[in-house]
Amino acid sequence: MPIKTAPALPVTSEQRAELTRMARSSTLPHRAVVQARGLLLAADGVANQEIA
């Protein structure tokens, strides 16, 4: 069964920069880093099943 891809999550360049900073952080809680990475993947149009 093919994986349906949701439309890419729209983010501004400022939001993408902040999410990238968060995703690379070694001081933020792990949960925040994982969430930032997931949001960046969604912004790139990656399917929800692949992100999960």
N, C-alpha and C. Protein backbone atom coordinates (compact mmCIF):
# COMPACT_ATOMS: atom_id res chain seq x y z
N MET A 1 0.85 -1.17 0.00
CA MET A 1 0.00 0.00 0.00
C MET A 1 0.90 1.24 0.00
N PRO A 2 0.68 2.15 -0.96
CA PRO A 2 1.53 3.35 -1.01
C PRO A 2 1.29 4.26 0.19
N ILE A 3 2.34 4.93 0.60
CA ILE A 3 2.26 5.86 1.72
C ILE A 3 1.74 7.19 1.20
N LYS A 4 0.66 7.69 1.81
CA LYS A 4 0.14 8.99 1.43
C LYS A 4 0.97 10.07 2.12
N THR A 5 1.34 11.05 1.35
CA THR A 5 2.13 12.15 1.89
C THR A 5 1.24 13.36 2.06
N ALA A 6 1.20 13.90 3.25
CA ALA A 6 0.44 15.12 3.52
C ALA A 6 1.18 16.29 2.88
N PRO A 7 0.46 17.36 2.60
CA PRO A 7 1.15 18.55 2.08
C PRO A 7 2.22 19.00 3.07
N ALA A 8 3.29 19.55 2.54
CA ALA A 8 4.38 20.01 3.40
C ALA A 8 3.88 21.07 4.37
N LEU A 9 4.38 21.00 5.58
CA LEU A 9 4.03 21.96 6.62
C LEU A 9 4.65 23.31 6.26
N PRO A 10 3.83 24.36 6.11
CA PRO A 10 4.42 25.65 5.73
C PRO A 10 5.14 26.30 6.92
N VAL A 11 6.40 26.63 6.73
CA VAL A 11 7.18 27.32 7.76
C VAL A 11 7.95 28.47 7.11
N THR A 12 8.10 29.54 7.85
CA THR A 12 8.88 30.68 7.36
C THR A 12 10.36 30.37 7.52
N SER A 13 11.19 31.17 6.89
CA SER A 13 12.63 30.96 7.02
C SER A 13 13.09 31.17 8.47
N GLU A 14 12.43 32.09 9.17
CA GLU A 14 12.78 32.31 10.58
C GLU A 14 12.40 31.10 11.43
N GLN A 15 11.22 30.53 11.16
CA GLN A 15 10.79 29.34 11.89
C GLN A 15 11.71 28.16 11.59
N ARG A 16 12.08 27.99 10.32
CA ARG A 16 12.99 26.90 9.95
C ARG A 16 14.33 27.06 10.66
N ALA A 17 14.83 28.28 10.72
CA ALA A 17 16.11 28.52 11.40
C ALA A 17 16.01 28.17 12.88
N GLU A 18 14.92 28.54 13.52
CA GLU A 18 14.74 28.23 14.94
C GLU A 18 14.60 26.73 15.15
N LEU A 19 13.83 26.06 14.30
CA LEU A 19 13.67 24.60 14.41
C LEU A 19 15.00 23.89 14.19
N THR A 20 15.79 24.38 13.25
CA THR A 20 17.11 23.79 12.99
C THR A 20 18.01 23.96 14.21
N ARG A 21 17.98 25.15 14.80
CA ARG A 21 18.77 25.40 16.01
C ARG A 21 18.35 24.45 17.12
N MET A 22 17.04 24.28 17.29
CA MET A 22 16.53 23.39 18.33
C MET A 22 16.91 21.94 18.05
N ALA A 23 16.81 21.51 16.79
CA ALA A 23 17.11 20.13 16.43
C ALA A 23 18.57 19.78 16.66
N ARG A 24 19.45 20.77 16.59
CA ARG A 24 20.89 20.54 16.78
C ARG A 24 21.35 20.77 18.21
N SER A 25 20.44 21.18 19.07
CA SER A 25 20.80 21.55 20.44
C SER A 25 21.22 20.33 21.27
N SER A 26 22.20 20.54 22.10
CA SER A 26 22.61 19.50 23.04
C SER A 26 22.19 19.86 24.46
N THR A 27 21.53 21.01 24.63
CA THR A 27 21.12 21.43 25.96
C THR A 27 19.61 21.41 26.17
N LEU A 28 18.84 21.39 25.08
CA LEU A 28 17.38 21.31 25.22
C LEU A 28 16.97 19.91 25.65
N PRO A 29 15.80 19.77 26.25
CA PRO A 29 15.30 18.43 26.57
C PRO A 29 15.17 17.59 25.30
N HIS A 30 15.43 16.31 25.42
CA HIS A 30 15.38 15.40 24.28
C HIS A 30 14.05 15.50 23.53
N ARG A 31 12.97 15.61 24.27
CA ARG A 31 11.64 15.69 23.66
C ARG A 31 11.54 16.88 22.70
N ALA A 32 12.07 18.02 23.09
CA ALA A 32 12.02 19.22 22.25
C ALA A 32 12.85 19.03 20.98
N VAL A 33 13.99 18.37 21.10
CA VAL A 33 14.86 18.11 19.95
C VAL A 33 14.15 17.18 18.97
N VAL A 34 13.54 16.12 19.48
CA VAL A 34 12.84 15.17 18.62
C VAL A 34 11.65 15.84 17.93
N GLN A 35 10.92 16.67 18.65
CA GLN A 35 9.78 17.37 18.05
C GLN A 35 10.26 18.33 16.96
N ALA A 36 11.33 19.04 17.19
CA ALA A 36 11.87 19.96 16.18
C ALA A 36 12.28 19.20 14.93
N ARG A 37 12.92 18.04 15.10
CA ARG A 37 13.32 17.23 13.95
C ARG A 37 12.11 16.76 13.17
N GLY A 38 11.07 16.34 13.88
CA GLY A 38 9.84 15.90 13.23
C GLY A 38 9.18 17.02 12.45
N LEU A 39 9.16 18.21 13.01
CA LEU A 39 8.57 19.35 12.32
C LEU A 39 9.37 19.71 11.07
N LEU A 40 10.68 19.62 11.14
CA LEU A 40 11.51 19.88 9.96
C LEU A 40 11.25 18.86 8.86
N LEU A 41 11.09 17.61 9.25
CA LEU A 41 10.77 16.58 8.25
C LEU A 41 9.41 16.84 7.62
N ALA A 42 8.43 17.22 8.44
CA ALA A 42 7.10 17.54 7.92
C ALA A 42 7.16 18.74 6.98
N ALA A 43 7.99 19.70 7.30
CA ALA A 43 8.14 20.88 6.43
C ALA A 43 8.78 20.51 5.10
N ASP A 44 9.56 19.43 5.09
CA ASP A 44 10.18 18.96 3.86
C ASP A 44 9.26 18.02 3.07
N GLY A 45 8.06 17.77 3.60
CA GLY A 45 7.09 16.95 2.89
C GLY A 45 7.23 15.45 3.11
N VAL A 46 7.95 15.04 4.14
CA VAL A 46 8.10 13.62 4.45
C VAL A 46 6.78 13.09 5.00
N ALA A 47 6.41 11.88 4.60
CA ALA A 47 5.15 11.27 5.03
C ALA A 47 5.13 11.07 6.54
N ASN A 48 3.95 11.24 7.13
CA ASN A 48 3.80 11.08 8.57
C ASN A 48 4.26 9.71 9.05
N GLN A 49 3.97 8.66 8.29
CA GLN A 49 4.38 7.30 8.69
C GLN A 49 5.90 7.19 8.74
N GLU A 50 6.59 7.86 7.85
CA GLU A 50 8.05 7.83 7.86
C GLU A 50 8.61 8.61 9.04
N ILE A 51 7.95 9.71 9.39
CA ILE A 51 8.39 10.51 10.52
C ILE A 51 8.21 9.73 11.81
N ALA A 52 7.08 9.04 11.93
CA ALA A 52 6.78 8.28 13.14
C ALA A 52 7.75 7.13 13.25
